[in-house]
């Protein structure tokens, strides 16, 4: 009788643990998506060091926002908005850590938000023709700037929604600066 009771309780515990584990595995992401629109894009200066070794897939897409060229710094910033901002959704394995990107983007989740250069947030990436898997949208991390930081860096609005380092060679009228 005692053996049967112990066996029954043990089987019950194992069954319950397997339910908990199964439920939690379903919520563990198998990949990490990051939307990039500047120096982390394929072919740009930070791509090989920070992205290429860990990359599974790169899909061209866009997010909604506004992109500015930060001429004094040589890279862009994106803030909230309704324009199409073009870039790539980079897909990394689940073991990829965002820590190196956080350092590059001067983001620390423990720091007062006003002291961060960028803020890491979730966003929806849209694909005009579907991504590699045929999906029309996905969720990804993005590093956004506040409009206050963009103004502080004298950001130049890019109505095309695209950034390139060759933009350095262009001159912009004063009207290109944020209001």
Foldseek 3Di string as FASTA:
>chain_A
DVVVVVVVVVVVVVVVVVVVVVVVVVVQDFKAKEWDAKQCAPPHDCVVPQPVVFFDDKWKWWFAFWKWQLLVVLIIATGHHGATAITIITIGGSPDDCVVVCVVQQHDPVDDVVRGQWDKDKTKTAHPQATPVRDGIDIHIYTHGYLVSCVVSQTFTDRVNHDDSCCNVDDDDSVRGDD
